[in-house]
Amino acid sequence: MRRLMVTQGIFFLVFLLLLAVSNSYAQDDLKSIINSKYKEHKDICPVIKIVLKEGFSPKDVVETSIRLGHDACYVVKCAIGSNANLEQVLIGAITAGTTSDVCARCAIDVGADPVEVARVLETGLGYSPPYAAVIAPVEISLPGGTPAGGVMSPASF
């Protein structure tokens, strides 16, 4: 029984190691694809469109392109212009270190709905729950409970 548990533990560790290596390899693979296509086209916009058509995740494509040193606004505009998922594009840009104001400005410049951009950024940054329908009212009262007495005049001091 103990031998079975040790064998399963080793198998699990090997599986985790292979998973980590394959994920790292996928990022390196995407970097090399973007770099090779950039050398060919000399512009990142057609490269983004081609890589997205090949089936890569918009989040990974945008994040990798920005981390490779390409202009964040231009990358966001190209990704949204090629009909990529707005949420994936903005999350990829923020993950790469782009500020939310730059993401919002560039997305709106290319024609994205401002309300949708705000929803994605607020949800992605953790400011509000996804699709919050109604905000619960907050009870406001004076310290000490209900007020008593009348108006205090400065002349009575």
Protein backbone atom coordinates (compact mmCIF):
# COMPACT_ATOMS: atom_id res chain seq x y z
CA MET A 1 0.00 0.00 0.00
CA ARG A 2 2.78 2.39 0.92
CA ARG A 3 4.63 1.54 -2.26
CA LEU A 4 1.52 2.39 -4.29
CA MET A 5 1.25 5.79 -2.60
CA VAL A 6 4.92 6.55 -3.30
CA THR A 7 4.49 5.54 -6.94
CA GLN A 8 1.41 7.73 -7.29
CA GLY A 9 3.22 10.64 -5.65
CA ILE A 10 6.16 10.32 -8.05
CA PHE A 11 3.77 10.08 -11.00
CA PHE A 12 1.96 13.21 -9.82
CA LEU A 13 5.23 15.17 -9.48
CA VAL A 14 6.38 14.09 -12.95
CA PHE A 15 2.99 15.12 -14.35
CA LEU A 16 3.25 18.57 -12.73
CA LEU A 17 6.78 18.98 -14.06
CA LEU A 18 5.71 18.06 -17.59
CA LEU A 19 2.75 20.44 -17.35
CA ALA A 20 4.99 23.32 -16.27
CA VAL A 21 7.52 22.59 -19.01
CA SER A 22 4.83 22.36 -21.71
CA ASN A 23 3.27 25.66 -20.59
CA SER A 24 6.68 27.33 -20.67
CA TYR A 25 7.35 25.78 -24.06
CA ALA A 26 4.03 27.14 -25.40
CA GLN A 27 5.00 30.68 -24.34
CA ASP A 28 8.43 30.30 -25.96
CA ASP A 29 6.76 28.84 -29.05
CA LEU A 30 4.42 31.85 -29.30
CA LYS A 31 7.36 34.23 -28.85
CA SER A 32 9.29 32.55 -31.64
CA ILE A 33 6.25 32.54 -33.94
CA ILE A 34 5.61 36.25 -33.35
CA ASN A 35 9.31 37.10 -33.82
CA SER A 36 9.65 35.10 -37.05
CA LYS A 37 6.48 36.55 -38.55
CA TYR A 38 7.52 40.06 -37.47
CA LYS A 39 10.82 39.66 -39.35
CA GLU A 40 8.78 38.69 -42.40
CA HIS A 41 6.12 41.46 -42.25
CA LYS A 42 7.99 44.29 -40.43
CA ASP A 43 4.71 45.34 -38.76
CA ILE A 44 3.09 43.82 -35.68
CA CYS A 45 -0.53 44.33 -36.78
CA PRO A 46 -0.58 41.74 -39.59
CA VAL A 47 1.40 39.41 -37.35
CA ILE A 48 -1.26 39.65 -34.63
CA LYS A 49 -4.02 38.97 -37.16
CA ILE A 50 -2.18 35.93 -38.55
CA VAL A 51 -1.36 34.48 -35.13
CA LEU A 52 -4.94 34.95 -33.93
CA LYS A 53 -6.23 33.17 -37.06
CA GLU A 54 -3.89 30.28 -36.24
CA GLY A 55 -5.90 29.76 -33.05
CA PHE A 56 -3.74 31.22 -30.31
CA SER A 57 -5.47 32.84 -27.33
CA PRO A 58 -5.96 36.62 -27.72
CA LYS A 59 -4.78 37.08 -24.12
CA ASP A 60 -1.50 35.26 -24.80
CA VAL A 61 -0.93 36.97 -28.16
CA VAL A 62 -1.47 40.47 -26.73
CA GLU A 63 0.55 39.79 -23.59
CA THR A 64 3.48 38.29 -25.50
CA SER A 65 3.48 41.05 -28.13
CA ILE A 66 3.59 43.77 -25.49
CA ARG A 67 6.29 41.96 -23.50
CA LEU A 68 8.36 41.72 -26.69
CA GLY A 69 8.42 45.53 -26.73
CA HIS A 70 5.72 46.47 -29.21
CA ASP A 71 3.52 49.52 -28.54
CA ALA A 72 0.72 48.47 -26.19
CA CYS A 73 -1.91 50.74 -27.72
CA TYR A 74 -1.14 49.57 -31.24
CA VAL A 75 -1.24 45.92 -30.16
CA VAL A 76 -4.63 46.39 -28.44
CA LYS A 77 -6.04 48.22 -31.47
CA CYS A 78 -4.84 45.52 -33.87
CA ALA A 79 -6.18 42.68 -31.74
CA ILE A 80 -9.60 44.30 -31.32
CA GLY A 81 -9.60 45.28 -35.00
CA SER A 82 -9.16 41.63 -35.94
CA ASN A 83 -12.34 40.75 -33.99
CA ALA A 84 -10.59 39.16 -31.02
CA ASN A 85 -12.47 38.79 -27.74
CA LEU A 86 -12.42 42.22 -26.04
CA GLU A 87 -12.14 40.77 -22.55
CA GLN A 88 -9.21 38.52 -23.49
CA VAL A 89 -7.42 41.40 -25.23
CA LEU A 90 -7.75 43.81 -22.30
CA ILE A 91 -6.77 41.20 -19.70
CA GLY A 92 -3.71 40.28 -21.78
CA ALA A 93 -2.68 43.93 -22.01
CA ILE A 94 -3.11 44.50 -18.28
CA THR A 95 -1.20 41.29 -17.49
CA ALA A 96 1.67 42.59 -19.61
CA GLY A 97 1.79 45.77 -17.52
CA THR A 98 -0.28 48.24 -19.52
CA THR A 99 -2.31 50.63 -17.37
CA SER A 100 -6.09 50.45 -17.51
CA ASP A 101 -6.47 54.01 -18.81
CA VAL A 102 -4.30 53.23 -21.84
CA CYS A 103 -6.24 50.00 -22.46
CA ALA A 104 -9.56 51.83 -22.26
CA ARG A 105 -8.50 54.72 -24.50
CA CYS A 106 -7.09 52.44 -27.19
CA ALA A 107 -10.05 50.06 -27.13
CA ILE A 108 -12.54 52.91 -27.44
CA ASP A 109 -10.46 54.55 -30.21
CA VAL A 110 -10.78 51.41 -32.33
CA GLY A 111 -14.56 51.26 -31.84
CA ALA A 112 -15.20 49.09 -28.78
CA ASP A 113 -18.30 49.87 -26.73
CA PRO A 114 -17.25 52.11 -23.78
CA VAL A 115 -19.73 50.42 -21.43
CA GLU A 116 -18.33 46.99 -22.30
CA VAL A 117 -14.75 48.25 -21.87
CA ALA A 118 -15.64 49.65 -18.43
CA ARG A 119 -17.31 46.37 -17.43
CA VAL A 120 -14.30 44.31 -18.50
CA LEU A 121 -11.80 46.56 -16.74
CA GLU A 122 -13.81 46.86 -13.52
CA THR A 123 -14.38 43.12 -13.35
CA GLY A 124 -10.84 42.23 -14.41
CA LEU A 125 -9.27 44.56 -11.87
CA GLY A 126 -11.51 43.28 -9.07
CA TYR A 127 -13.49 46.48 -8.50
CA SER A 128 -16.91 44.92 -8.90
CA PRO A 129 -18.43 41.48 -9.22
CA PRO A 130 -19.17 40.35 -12.75
CA TYR A 131 -22.50 41.58 -14.07
CA ALA A 132 -23.57 43.26 -10.83
CA ALA A 133 -27.26 43.95 -11.44
CA VAL A 134 -28.12 46.18 -8.51
CA ILE A 135 -25.91 47.74 -5.88
CA ALA A 136 -27.32 47.27 -2.39
CA PRO A 137 -28.22 50.54 -0.64
CA VAL A 138 -26.08 51.56 2.31
CA GLU A 139 -27.74 52.70 5.53
CA ILE A 140 -26.41 56.08 6.61
CA SER A 141 -27.04 57.34 10.14
CA LEU A 142 -25.44 59.67 12.60
CA PRO A 143 -23.07 58.32 15.23
CA GLY A 144 -24.89 57.37 18.39
CA GLY A 145 -28.17 56.36 16.78
CA THR A 146 -31.13 58.62 16.12
CA PRO A 147 -30.63 62.36 16.52
CA ALA A 148 -32.38 64.17 19.37
CA GLY A 149 -32.95 67.83 20.06
CA GLY A 150 -33.19 70.69 17.65
CA VAL A 151 -30.95 72.96 15.70
CA MET A 152 -27.94 74.31 17.53
CA SER A 153 -27.37 78.02 17.06
CA PRO A 154 -23.86 79.45 17.13
CA ALA A 155 -25.22 82.30 19.24
CA SER A 156 -25.84 79.94 22.17
CA PHE A 157 -22.18 79.05 22.66
